[in-house]
C-alpha cells in the first residue's frame, strides 16, 4: 500500500471518529434531558414517589459522569489523530508547511474577539463539551445530595456548600478511580511514536 493510500485511511478513520462522537453525544443529551424532565415531572406532581425521587438523580448522575468521561476520551483520541495527520504530512509525505491541514490557520487573529457577542473566538468546542459535561454531572450530584440532606438533615447554607463540595468530590474521585482501572482503550500494544507537537 502506498503512503498516500495509508494517509487517506488515516483521514477516513479520523472522520469516522468525528461522526461516531456526534452520534454518541446525542444519546447522552437525550438520556440526560429525559431524566431531567422525568425528575421535574415527579417533583411537580401531587404524588409522592420517594423511590423515583432518589433513583432519577442517581441515574442522571451516572449518565452525566459517563458523558463527561466520553467527552474526555474523545478529546484524547482526536489529539492523537491530529498528531498522526501532522506526522504523515510533515515527516512521511513531506508536505510544504502551508499544505498541512492542522499546521496552517487562515486569518488566526480575524474574528477572534472574546468580548464581542457578534464575533468568533479561539475556543475549543471539545473543551467546552468536557466542561459542560462536568458541570452537568456535578449538578446531578448536587440534586441527589440535596434530596438526601433535605430529607434527613437540614438545608441551610452550610449544608448547601457541603452538597456542592460532595458533588465535586464524587465526580473527581470517580474520575480518578474508574476510567483508569476499567475504561481505558487498549493501546499499550501500539508503538508510541513520541511525536513532537508543533
N, C-alpha and C. Protein backbone atom coordinates (compact mmCIF):
# COMPACT_ATOMS: atom_id res chain seq x y z
N UNK A 1 0.85 -1.18 0.00
CA UNK A 1 0.00 0.00 0.00
C UNK A 1 0.89 1.24 0.00
N UNK A 2 0.59 2.17 -0.87
CA UNK A 2 1.43 3.35 -0.95
C UNK A 2 1.07 4.32 0.16
N UNK A 3 1.98 5.22 0.44
CA UNK A 3 1.86 6.15 1.55
C UNK A 3 0.59 7.01 1.45
N UNK A 4 0.25 7.47 0.26
CA UNK A 4 -0.93 8.31 0.08
C UNK A 4 -2.21 7.55 0.44
N UNK A 5 -2.25 6.26 0.13
CA UNK A 5 -3.43 5.44 0.49
C UNK A 5 -3.54 5.29 2.00
N UNK A 6 -2.40 5.09 2.67
CA UNK A 6 -2.42 4.99 4.13
C UNK A 6 -2.86 6.31 4.76
N UNK A 7 -2.42 7.41 4.17
CA UNK A 7 -2.83 8.74 4.64
C UNK A 7 -4.34 8.91 4.49
N UNK A 8 -4.89 8.47 3.38
CA UNK A 8 -6.34 8.56 3.16
C UNK A 8 -7.09 7.72 4.19
N UNK A 9 -6.55 6.53 4.51
CA UNK A 9 -7.17 5.68 5.54
C UNK A 9 -7.17 6.41 6.88
N UNK A 10 -6.07 7.07 7.19
CA UNK A 10 -5.97 7.84 8.44
C UNK A 10 -7.03 8.94 8.48
N UNK A 11 -7.18 9.68 7.39
CA UNK A 11 -8.18 10.75 7.34
C UNK A 11 -9.59 10.17 7.47
N UNK A 12 -9.85 9.05 6.79
CA UNK A 12 -11.16 8.40 6.89
C UNK A 12 -11.44 7.93 8.32
N UNK A 13 -10.42 7.38 8.97
CA UNK A 13 -10.58 6.93 10.36
C UNK A 13 -10.87 8.10 11.28
N UNK A 14 -10.17 9.20 11.06
CA UNK A 14 -10.43 10.42 11.85
C UNK A 14 -11.87 10.89 11.64
N UNK A 15 -12.31 10.94 10.39
CA UNK A 15 -13.67 11.39 10.09
C UNK A 15 -14.72 10.45 10.67
N UNK A 16 -14.44 9.15 10.64
CA UNK A 16 -15.35 8.17 11.24
C UNK A 16 -15.46 8.43 12.74
N UNK A 17 -14.33 8.76 13.37
CA UNK A 17 -14.32 9.06 14.80
C UNK A 17 -15.16 10.31 15.09
N UNK A 18 -15.00 11.34 14.26
CA UNK A 18 -15.82 12.55 14.41
C UNK A 18 -17.31 12.21 14.34
N UNK A 19 -17.70 11.46 13.32
CA UNK A 19 -19.12 11.12 13.12
C UNK A 19 -19.67 10.31 14.28
N UNK A 20 -18.90 9.31 14.72
CA UNK A 20 -19.36 8.50 15.85
C UNK A 20 -19.51 9.31 17.12
N UNK A 21 -18.58 10.22 17.35
CA UNK A 21 -18.67 11.05 18.54
C UNK A 21 -19.97 11.87 18.53
N UNK A 22 -20.31 12.44 17.39
CA UNK A 22 -21.54 13.23 17.29
C UNK A 22 -22.76 12.37 17.60
N UNK A 23 -22.77 11.15 17.10
CA UNK A 23 -23.90 10.24 17.38
C UNK A 23 -23.96 9.88 18.86
N UNK A 24 -22.83 9.53 19.43
CA UNK A 24 -22.81 9.14 20.84
C UNK A 24 -23.24 10.28 21.75
N UNK A 25 -22.80 11.49 21.43
CA UNK A 25 -23.17 12.63 22.25
C UNK A 25 -24.68 12.86 22.23
N UNK A 26 -25.30 12.60 21.10
CA UNK A 26 -26.75 12.75 21.00
C UNK A 26 -27.45 11.81 21.97
N UNK A 27 -26.98 10.58 22.10
CA UNK A 27 -27.58 9.64 23.05
C UNK A 27 -27.52 10.19 24.47
N UNK A 28 -26.39 10.76 24.83
CA UNK A 28 -26.26 11.32 26.17
C UNK A 28 -27.19 12.50 26.37
N UNK A 29 -27.27 13.40 25.39
CA UNK A 29 -28.15 14.57 25.52
C UNK A 29 -29.59 14.13 25.73
N UNK A 30 -30.03 13.17 24.92
CA UNK A 30 -31.41 12.71 25.01
C UNK A 30 -31.67 12.05 26.37
N UNK A 31 -30.76 11.18 26.80
CA UNK A 31 -30.94 10.48 28.08
C UNK A 31 -30.96 11.46 29.25
N UNK A 32 -30.03 12.40 29.26
CA UNK A 32 -29.97 13.37 30.37
C UNK A 32 -31.20 14.25 30.36
N UNK A 33 -31.62 14.71 29.18
CA UNK A 33 -32.82 15.53 29.07
C UNK A 33 -34.06 14.79 29.54
N UNK A 34 -34.20 13.52 29.14
CA UNK A 34 -35.36 12.72 29.54
C UNK A 34 -35.38 12.51 31.06
N UNK A 35 -34.22 12.23 31.63
CA UNK A 35 -34.15 12.04 33.09
C UNK A 35 -34.50 13.33 33.82
N UNK A 36 -34.03 14.45 33.31
CA UNK A 36 -34.33 15.73 33.97
C UNK A 36 -35.81 16.06 33.87
N UNK A 37 -36.40 15.84 32.70
CA UNK A 37 -37.84 16.10 32.54
C UNK A 37 -38.63 15.16 33.46
N UNK A 38 -38.23 13.90 33.52
CA UNK A 38 -38.90 12.96 34.41
C UNK A 38 -38.80 13.38 35.86
N UNK A 39 -37.63 13.83 36.26
CA UNK A 39 -37.43 14.27 37.65
C UNK A 39 -38.28 15.50 37.96
N UNK A 40 -38.29 16.46 37.07
CA UNK A 40 -39.12 17.67 37.27
C UNK A 40 -40.60 17.33 37.30
N UNK A 41 -41.01 16.39 36.46
CA UNK A 41 -42.42 15.97 36.43
C UNK A 41 -42.81 15.34 37.76
N UNK A 42 -41.95 14.50 38.29
CA UNK A 42 -42.24 13.87 39.59
C UNK A 42 -42.30 14.91 40.70
N UNK A 43 -41.38 15.86 40.70
CA UNK A 43 -41.39 16.90 41.73
C UNK A 43 -42.62 17.78 41.66
N UNK A 44 -43.11 18.04 40.45
CA UNK A 44 -44.26 18.93 40.30
C UNK A 44 -45.60 18.21 40.45
N UNK A 45 -45.59 16.88 40.49
CA UNK A 45 -46.85 16.15 40.65
C UNK A 45 -47.26 16.15 42.12
N UNK A 46 -48.53 15.86 42.34
CA UNK A 46 -49.05 15.84 43.71
C UNK A 46 -48.74 14.52 44.42
N UNK A 47 -48.29 13.53 43.67
CA UNK A 47 -47.98 12.23 44.25
C UNK A 47 -46.57 12.25 44.85
N UNK A 48 -46.40 11.49 45.90
CA UNK A 48 -45.05 11.33 46.44
C UNK A 48 -44.51 9.99 45.97
N UNK A 49 -43.43 10.05 45.27
CA UNK A 49 -42.77 8.85 44.76
C UNK A 49 -41.31 8.87 45.23
N UNK A 50 -41.10 8.60 46.54
CA UNK A 50 -39.75 8.77 47.10
C UNK A 50 -38.68 7.93 46.41
N UNK A 51 -39.04 6.73 45.96
CA UNK A 51 -38.02 5.90 45.32
C UNK A 51 -37.54 6.55 44.02
N UNK A 52 -38.46 7.07 43.22
CA UNK A 52 -38.07 7.73 41.97
C UNK A 52 -37.37 9.06 42.22
N UNK A 53 -37.71 9.73 43.33
CA UNK A 53 -37.06 11.00 43.65
C UNK A 53 -35.58 10.79 43.98
N UNK A 54 -35.21 9.58 44.37
CA UNK A 54 -33.80 9.25 44.59
C UNK A 54 -33.18 8.57 43.35
N UNK A 55 -33.96 7.71 42.70
CA UNK A 55 -33.45 6.94 41.58
C UNK A 55 -33.10 7.81 40.37
N UNK A 56 -33.96 8.75 40.01
CA UNK A 56 -33.71 9.58 38.83
C UNK A 56 -32.45 10.46 38.98
N UNK A 57 -32.23 11.10 40.13
CA UNK A 57 -30.96 11.83 40.26
C UNK A 57 -29.72 10.93 40.20
N UNK A 58 -29.84 9.72 40.75
CA UNK A 58 -28.71 8.79 40.67
C UNK A 58 -28.45 8.41 39.21
N UNK A 59 -29.52 8.09 38.47
CA UNK A 59 -29.35 7.77 37.05
C UNK A 59 -28.83 8.97 36.26
N UNK A 60 -29.36 10.16 36.56
CA UNK A 60 -28.87 11.37 35.90
C UNK A 60 -27.39 11.59 36.18
N UNK A 61 -26.99 11.34 37.40
CA UNK A 61 -25.58 11.49 37.77
C UNK A 61 -24.72 10.48 37.01
N UNK A 62 -25.14 9.23 36.98
CA UNK A 62 -24.36 8.18 36.30
C UNK A 62 -24.23 8.49 34.82
N UNK A 63 -25.34 8.83 34.16
CA UNK A 63 -25.30 9.12 32.72
C UNK A 63 -24.42 10.35 32.46
N UNK A 64 -24.51 11.35 33.32
CA UNK A 64 -23.71 12.57 33.13
C UNK A 64 -22.22 12.31 33.32
N UNK A 65 -21.88 11.50 34.29
CA UNK A 65 -20.47 11.16 34.51
C UNK A 65 -19.94 10.36 33.31
N UNK A 66 -20.76 9.45 32.81
CA UNK A 66 -20.34 8.69 31.62
C UNK A 66 -20.18 9.63 30.43
N UNK A 67 -21.03 10.61 30.29
CA UNK A 67 -20.91 11.60 29.22
C UNK A 67 -19.61 12.39 29.37
N UNK A 68 -19.32 12.81 30.59
CA UNK A 68 -18.09 13.54 30.89
C UNK A 68 -16.86 12.71 30.48
N UNK A 69 -16.86 11.44 30.87
CA UNK A 69 -15.74 10.57 30.52
C UNK A 69 -15.65 10.37 29.01
N UNK A 70 -16.79 10.24 28.34
CA UNK A 70 -16.79 10.08 26.88
C UNK A 70 -16.20 11.31 26.20
N UNK A 71 -16.56 12.49 26.69
CA UNK A 71 -16.02 13.72 26.11
C UNK A 71 -14.50 13.79 26.31
N UNK A 72 -14.03 13.39 27.49
CA UNK A 72 -12.59 13.37 27.74
C UNK A 72 -11.90 12.35 26.83
N UNK A 73 -12.51 11.18 26.66
CA UNK A 73 -11.96 10.16 25.80
C UNK A 73 -11.90 10.61 24.35
N UNK A 74 -12.93 11.29 23.90
CA UNK A 74 -12.94 11.82 22.54
C UNK A 74 -11.79 12.80 22.34
N UNK A 75 -11.60 13.68 23.30
CA UNK A 75 -10.53 14.67 23.19
C UNK A 75 -9.16 13.99 23.12
N UNK A 76 -8.97 12.96 23.92
CA UNK A 76 -7.72 12.20 23.91
C UNK A 76 -7.45 11.61 22.52
N UNK A 77 -8.48 11.00 21.93
CA UNK A 77 -8.30 10.36 20.63
C UNK A 77 -8.19 11.37 19.50
N UNK A 78 -8.90 12.48 19.58
CA UNK A 78 -8.83 13.45 18.49
C UNK A 78 -7.46 14.11 18.46
N UNK A 79 -6.86 14.33 19.62
CA UNK A 79 -5.49 14.86 19.65
C UNK A 79 -4.53 13.85 19.02
N UNK A 80 -4.78 12.56 19.27
CA UNK A 80 -3.97 11.52 18.65
C UNK A 80 -4.08 11.61 17.12
N UNK A 81 -5.29 11.75 16.60
CA UNK A 81 -5.46 11.84 15.15
C UNK A 81 -4.79 13.09 14.58
N UNK A 82 -4.91 14.20 15.28
CA UNK A 82 -4.27 15.43 14.82
C UNK A 82 -2.75 15.23 14.74
N UNK A 83 -2.17 14.63 15.76
CA UNK A 83 -0.73 14.37 15.75
C UNK A 83 -0.33 13.42 14.63
N UNK A 84 -1.14 12.39 14.39
CA UNK A 84 -0.82 11.45 13.32
C UNK A 84 -0.92 12.10 11.94
N UNK A 85 -1.94 12.93 11.73
CA UNK A 85 -2.08 13.64 10.46
C UNK A 85 -0.87 14.56 10.26
N UNK A 86 -0.49 15.27 11.30
CA UNK A 86 0.70 16.13 11.21
C UNK A 86 1.95 15.31 10.88
N UNK A 87 2.10 14.16 11.53
CA UNK A 87 3.25 13.29 11.29
C UNK A 87 3.30 12.83 9.83
N UNK A 88 2.16 12.37 9.33
CA UNK A 88 2.11 11.94 7.93
C UNK A 88 2.46 13.08 6.99
N UNK A 89 1.84 14.23 7.22
CA UNK A 89 2.03 15.35 6.29
C UNK A 89 3.45 15.91 6.36
N UNK A 90 4.00 16.00 7.55
CA UNK A 90 5.32 16.63 7.71
C UNK A 90 6.46 15.64 7.42
N UNK A 91 6.43 14.49 8.09
CA UNK A 91 7.58 13.60 8.06
C UNK A 91 7.53 12.54 6.95
N UNK A 92 6.35 12.06 6.62
CA UNK A 92 6.27 10.99 5.63
C UNK A 92 5.99 11.50 4.22
N UNK A 93 4.98 12.36 4.11
CA UNK A 93 4.60 12.86 2.78
C UNK A 93 5.37 14.13 2.40
N UNK A 94 6.04 14.71 3.37
CA UNK A 94 6.89 15.90 3.15
C UNK A 94 6.10 17.05 2.52
N UNK A 95 4.88 17.27 3.03
CA UNK A 95 4.09 18.41 2.55
C UNK A 95 4.80 19.70 2.93
N UNK A 96 4.64 20.70 2.10
CA UNK A 96 5.10 22.04 2.45
C UNK A 96 4.29 22.50 3.66
N UNK A 97 4.86 23.39 4.43
CA UNK A 97 4.19 23.85 5.65
C UNK A 97 2.78 24.35 5.37
N UNK A 98 2.60 25.12 4.31
CA UNK A 98 1.29 25.70 4.03
C UNK A 98 0.30 24.69 3.45
N UNK A 99 0.76 23.48 3.18
CA UNK A 99 -0.13 22.44 2.66
C UNK A 99 -0.67 21.53 3.76
N UNK A 100 -0.14 21.65 4.96
CA UNK A 100 -0.52 20.76 6.06
C UNK A 100 -1.84 21.22 6.69
N UNK A 101 -2.75 20.26 6.87
CA UNK A 101 -4.11 20.55 7.33
C UNK A 101 -4.14 21.26 8.68
N UNK A 102 -3.44 20.73 9.67
CA UNK A 102 -3.53 21.28 11.02
C UNK A 102 -2.45 22.31 11.34
N UNK A 103 -1.58 22.57 10.39
CA UNK A 103 -0.50 23.50 10.67
C UNK A 103 -0.82 24.93 10.26
N UNK A 104 -1.56 25.06 9.19
CA UNK A 104 -1.87 26.38 8.66
C UNK A 104 -3.22 26.82 9.20
N UNK A 105 -3.30 28.07 9.59
CA UNK A 105 -4.56 28.62 10.08
C UNK A 105 -4.82 29.91 9.32
N UNK A 106 -5.96 29.98 8.66
CA UNK A 106 -6.28 31.17 7.86
C UNK A 106 -6.78 32.28 8.77
N UNK A 107 -6.10 33.40 8.75
CA UNK A 107 -6.54 34.60 9.47
C UNK A 107 -6.79 34.31 10.96
N UNK A 108 -5.77 33.87 11.61
CA UNK A 108 -5.84 33.45 13.01
C UNK A 108 -6.41 34.53 13.94
N UNK A 109 -6.08 35.77 13.67
CA UNK A 109 -6.50 36.85 14.57
C UNK A 109 -7.84 37.47 14.17
N UNK A 110 -8.28 37.21 12.95
CA UNK A 110 -9.54 37.76 12.49
C UNK A 110 -10.70 37.10 13.23
N UNK A 111 -11.65 37.88 13.62
CA UNK A 111 -12.85 37.39 14.32
C UNK A 111 -12.52 36.70 15.64
N UNK A 112 -11.37 36.98 16.23
CA UNK A 112 -11.01 36.36 17.49
C UNK A 112 -11.22 37.38 18.61
N UNK A 113 -12.47 37.58 18.96
CA UNK A 113 -12.83 38.59 19.94
C UNK A 113 -13.68 37.93 21.02
N UNK A 114 -13.08 37.75 22.20
CA UNK A 114 -13.77 37.05 23.29
C UNK A 114 -14.90 37.87 23.90
N UNK A 115 -14.83 39.18 23.79
CA UNK A 115 -15.83 40.02 24.42
C UNK A 115 -17.03 40.36 23.54
N UNK A 116 -16.89 40.24 22.24
CA UNK A 116 -17.96 40.63 21.34
C UNK A 116 -19.00 39.51 21.20
N UNK A 117 -20.28 39.86 21.35
CA UNK A 117 -21.32 38.85 21.17
C UNK A 117 -21.56 38.50 19.70
N UNK A 118 -20.94 39.24 18.78
CA UNK A 118 -21.21 39.04 17.36
C UNK A 118 -20.01 38.54 16.57
N UNK A 119 -18.96 38.10 17.24
CA UNK A 119 -17.81 37.57 16.51
C UNK A 119 -17.34 36.28 17.17
N UNK A 120 -16.48 35.56 16.45
CA UNK A 120 -15.96 34.30 16.96
C UNK A 120 -14.76 34.50 17.85
N UNK A 121 -14.29 33.40 18.42
CA UNK A 121 -13.11 33.44 19.27
C UNK A 121 -12.47 32.06 19.27
N UNK A 122 -11.19 32.02 19.56
CA UNK A 122 -10.44 30.77 19.59
C UNK A 122 -10.78 30.01 20.87
N UNK A 123 -11.86 29.24 20.79
CA UNK A 123 -12.33 28.45 21.92
C UNK A 123 -12.50 27.02 21.42
N UNK A 124 -11.95 26.07 22.13
CA UNK A 124 -12.07 24.66 21.75
C UNK A 124 -13.45 24.13 22.12
N UNK A 125 -14.22 23.74 21.11
CA UNK A 125 -15.55 23.19 21.40
C UNK A 125 -15.44 21.86 22.13
N UNK A 126 -14.37 21.11 21.90
CA UNK A 126 -14.18 19.86 22.65
C UNK A 126 -14.00 20.14 24.13
N UNK A 127 -13.21 21.16 24.45
CA UNK A 127 -13.01 21.52 25.86
C UNK A 127 -14.28 22.08 26.48
N UNK A 128 -15.06 22.82 25.71
CA UNK A 128 -16.34 23.33 26.21
C UNK A 128 -17.27 22.16 26.52
N UNK A 129 -17.28 21.16 25.66
CA UNK A 129 -18.12 19.98 25.89
C UNK A 129 -17.69 19.24 27.15
N UNK A 130 -16.39 19.09 27.34
CA UNK A 130 -15.88 18.44 28.55
C UNK A 130 -16.32 19.22 29.79
N UNK A 131 -16.16 20.54 29.76
CA UNK A 131 -16.55 21.38 30.90
C UNK A 131 -18.04 21.30 31.15
N UNK A 132 -18.83 21.37 30.08
CA UNK A 132 -20.29 21.31 30.23
C UNK A 132 -20.72 19.97 30.83
N UNK A 133 -20.15 18.88 30.32
CA UNK A 133 -20.48 17.56 30.85
C UNK A 133 -20.10 17.45 32.32
N UNK A 134 -18.95 18.00 32.68
CA UNK A 134 -18.51 18.00 34.08
C UNK A 134 -19.51 18.76 34.95
N UNK A 135 -19.93 19.95 34.50
CA UNK A 135 -20.88 20.76 35.28
C UNK A 135 -22.24 20.07 35.40
N UNK A 136 -22.68 19.41 34.34
CA UNK A 136 -23.96 18.68 34.40
C UNK A 136 -23.84 17.52 35.40
N UNK A 137 -22.73 16.81 35.39
CA UNK A 137 -22.54 15.71 36.34
C UNK A 137 -22.53 16.22 37.77
N UNK A 138 -21.83 17.32 38.00
CA UNK A 138 -21.79 17.91 39.35
C UNK A 138 -23.19 18.36 39.75
N UNK A 139 -23.95 18.91 38.82
CA UNK A 139 -25.32 19.36 39.11
C UNK A 139 -26.22 18.19 39.51
N UNK A 140 -26.12 17.09 38.78
CA UNK A 140 -26.91 15.91 39.16
C UNK A 140 -26.48 15.40 40.53
N UNK A 141 -25.18 15.43 40.81
CA UNK A 141 -24.72 15.05 42.14
C UNK A 141 -25.29 15.96 43.21
N UNK A 142 -25.34 17.26 42.92
CA UNK A 142 -25.92 18.21 43.86
C UNK A 142 -27.41 17.92 44.07
N UNK A 143 -28.13 17.64 43.01
CA UNK A 143 -29.56 17.32 43.13
C UNK A 143 -29.76 16.11 44.05
N UNK A 144 -28.93 15.09 43.86
CA UNK A 144 -29.04 13.90 44.71
C UNK A 144 -28.70 14.22 46.16
N UNK A 145 -27.56 14.88 46.38
CA UNK A 145 -27.17 15.20 47.75
C UNK A 145 -28.16 16.14 48.41
N UNK A 146 -28.72 17.05 47.64
CA UNK A 146 -29.72 17.97 48.19
C UNK A 146 -30.95 17.20 48.66
N UNK A 147 -31.36 16.22 47.89
CA UNK A 147 -32.51 15.37 48.28
C UNK A 147 -32.19 14.63 49.57
N UNK A 148 -31.00 14.06 49.65
CA UNK A 148 -30.60 13.31 50.86
C UNK A 148 -30.57 14.25 52.06
N UNK A 149 -29.95 15.42 51.93
CA UNK A 149 -29.83 16.35 53.05
C UNK A 149 -31.19 16.92 53.44
N UNK A 150 -32.02 17.26 52.47
CA UNK A 150 -33.34 17.83 52.76
C UNK A 150 -34.21 16.83 53.51
N UNK A 151 -34.15 15.57 53.10
CA UNK A 151 -34.98 14.54 53.74
C UNK A 151 -34.44 14.10 55.09
N UNK A 152 -33.13 14.18 55.30
CA UNK A 152 -32.54 13.58 56.50
C UNK A 152 -31.85 14.56 57.45
N UNK A 153 -31.44 15.70 56.95
CA UNK A 153 -30.71 16.64 57.78
C UNK A 153 -31.37 18.01 57.67
N UNK A 154 -30.58 19.00 57.38
CA UNK A 154 -31.11 20.34 57.20
C UNK A 154 -30.72 20.84 55.81
N UNK A 155 -31.25 21.97 55.42
CA UNK A 155 -30.92 22.53 54.11
C UNK A 155 -30.47 23.98 54.27
N UNK A 156 -29.58 24.22 55.23
CA UNK A 156 -29.07 25.57 55.47
C UNK A 156 -27.93 25.88 54.51
N UNK A 157 -27.38 27.08 54.59
CA UNK A 157 -26.31 27.50 53.68
C UNK A 157 -25.10 26.58 53.81
N UNK A 158 -24.71 26.23 55.02
CA UNK A 158 -23.55 25.33 55.23
C UNK A 158 -23.82 23.98 54.58
N UNK A 159 -25.06 23.53 54.69
CA UNK A 159 -25.44 22.26 54.09
C UNK A 159 -25.33 22.33 52.57
N UNK A 160 -25.77 23.41 51.97
CA UNK A 160 -25.69 23.58 50.51
C UNK A 160 -24.23 23.61 50.07
N UNK A 161 -23.39 24.33 50.81
CA UNK A 161 -21.97 24.36 50.49
C UNK A 161 -21.38 22.96 50.56
N UNK A 162 -21.73 22.19 51.58
CA UNK A 162 -21.25 20.82 51.73
C UNK A 162 -21.74 19.95 50.57
N UNK A 163 -22.97 20.16 50.12
CA UNK A 163 -23.51 19.38 49.00
C UNK A 163 -22.72 19.66 47.71
N UNK A 164 -22.35 20.91 47.51
CA UNK A 164 -21.55 21.26 46.33
C UNK A 164 -20.18 20.58 46.40
N UNK A 165 -19.56 20.65 47.57
CA UNK A 165 -18.25 20.00 47.76
C UNK A 165 -18.36 18.50 47.56
N UNK A 166 -19.41 17.90 48.10
CA UNK A 166 -19.61 16.45 47.92
C UNK A 166 -19.81 16.10 46.45
N UNK A 167 -20.57 16.91 45.74
CA UNK A 167 -20.82 16.66 44.31
C UNK A 167 -19.52 16.73 43.52
N UNK A 168 -18.75 17.79 43.73
CA UNK A 168 -17.46 17.93 43.05
C UNK A 168 -16.53 16.77 43.39
N UNK A 169 -16.46 16.45 44.67
CA UNK A 169 -15.57 15.38 45.13
C UNK A 169 -15.97 14.04 44.54
N UNK A 170 -17.26 13.77 44.48
CA UNK A 170 -17.72 12.49 43.95
C UNK A 170 -17.33 12.33 42.49
N UNK A 171 -17.56 13.37 41.69
CA UNK A 171 -17.19 13.30 40.27
C UNK A 171 -15.68 13.13 40.12
N UNK A 172 -14.91 13.89 40.88
CA UNK A 172 -13.45 13.83 40.76
C UNK A 172 -12.90 12.47 41.22
N UNK A 173 -13.39 11.97 42.33
CA UNK A 173 -12.90 10.68 42.85
C UNK A 173 -13.25 9.56 41.88
N UNK A 174 -14.50 9.54 41.41
CA UNK A 174 -14.89 8.52 40.44
C UNK A 174 -14.06 8.62 39.17
N UNK A 175 -13.75 9.86 38.75
CA UNK A 175 -12.97 10.07 37.53
C UNK A 175 -11.53 9.60 37.68
N UNK A 176 -11.01 9.61 38.87
CA UNK A 176 -9.65 9.12 39.09
C UNK A 176 -9.61 7.61 39.29
N UNK A 177 -10.70 7.03 39.75
CA UNK A 177 -10.70 5.60 40.07
C UNK A 177 -11.20 4.72 38.92
N UNK A 178 -12.34 5.02 38.38
CA UNK A 178 -13.00 4.09 37.45
C UNK A 178 -12.37 4.10 36.06
N UNK A 179 -12.25 5.25 35.37
CA UNK A 179 -11.73 5.19 33.99
C UNK A 179 -10.33 4.58 33.90
N UNK A 180 -9.45 4.95 34.79
CA UNK A 180 -8.06 4.47 34.70
C UNK A 180 -7.97 2.96 34.95
N UNK A 181 -8.90 2.42 35.71
CA UNK A 181 -8.85 1.00 36.03
C UNK A 181 -9.74 0.13 35.14
N UNK A 182 -10.80 0.72 34.57
CA UNK A 182 -11.77 -0.11 33.85
C UNK A 182 -12.14 0.38 32.45
N UNK A 183 -11.89 1.62 32.10
CA UNK A 183 -12.43 2.17 30.86
C UNK A 183 -11.37 2.59 29.84
N UNK A 184 -10.13 2.33 30.10
CA UNK A 184 -9.10 2.73 29.15
C UNK A 184 -9.18 1.91 27.87
N UNK A 185 -8.94 2.58 26.74
CA UNK A 185 -8.80 1.86 25.48
C UNK A 185 -7.51 1.05 25.55
N UNK A 186 -7.54 -0.12 24.97
CA UNK A 186 -6.35 -0.96 24.95
C UNK A 186 -5.41 -0.44 23.86
N UNK A 187 -4.44 0.35 24.26
CA UNK A 187 -3.48 0.87 23.28
C UNK A 187 -2.03 0.62 23.68
N UNK A 188 -1.83 -0.20 24.73
CA UNK A 188 -0.47 -0.44 25.19
C UNK A 188 0.33 -1.31 24.21
N UNK A 189 -0.34 -2.01 23.30
CA UNK A 189 0.37 -2.83 22.32
C UNK A 189 0.76 -2.04 21.07
N UNK A 190 0.31 -0.78 20.99
CA UNK A 190 0.70 0.06 19.86
C UNK A 190 2.03 0.74 20.17
N UNK A 191 2.89 0.86 19.17
CA UNK A 191 4.15 1.59 19.42
C UNK A 191 3.87 3.07 19.62
N UNK A 192 4.63 3.68 20.48
CA UNK A 192 4.47 5.11 20.76
C UNK A 192 5.45 5.88 19.87
N UNK A 193 4.90 6.74 19.02
CA UNK A 193 5.75 7.48 18.09
C UNK A 193 6.52 8.62 18.75
N UNK A 194 6.09 9.05 19.96
CA UNK A 194 6.74 10.17 20.63
C UNK A 194 6.88 11.35 19.68
N UNK A 195 5.75 11.77 19.11
CA UNK A 195 5.76 12.86 18.14
C UNK A 195 5.93 14.20 18.81
N UNK A 196 6.72 15.04 18.18
CA UNK A 196 6.86 16.40 18.65
C UNK A 196 5.67 17.20 18.13
N UNK A 197 4.95 17.85 19.04
CA UNK A 197 3.79 18.63 18.65
C UNK A 197 4.24 20.02 18.20
N UNK A 198 3.77 20.45 17.02
CA UNK A 198 4.15 21.77 16.51
C UNK A 198 3.51 22.88 17.33
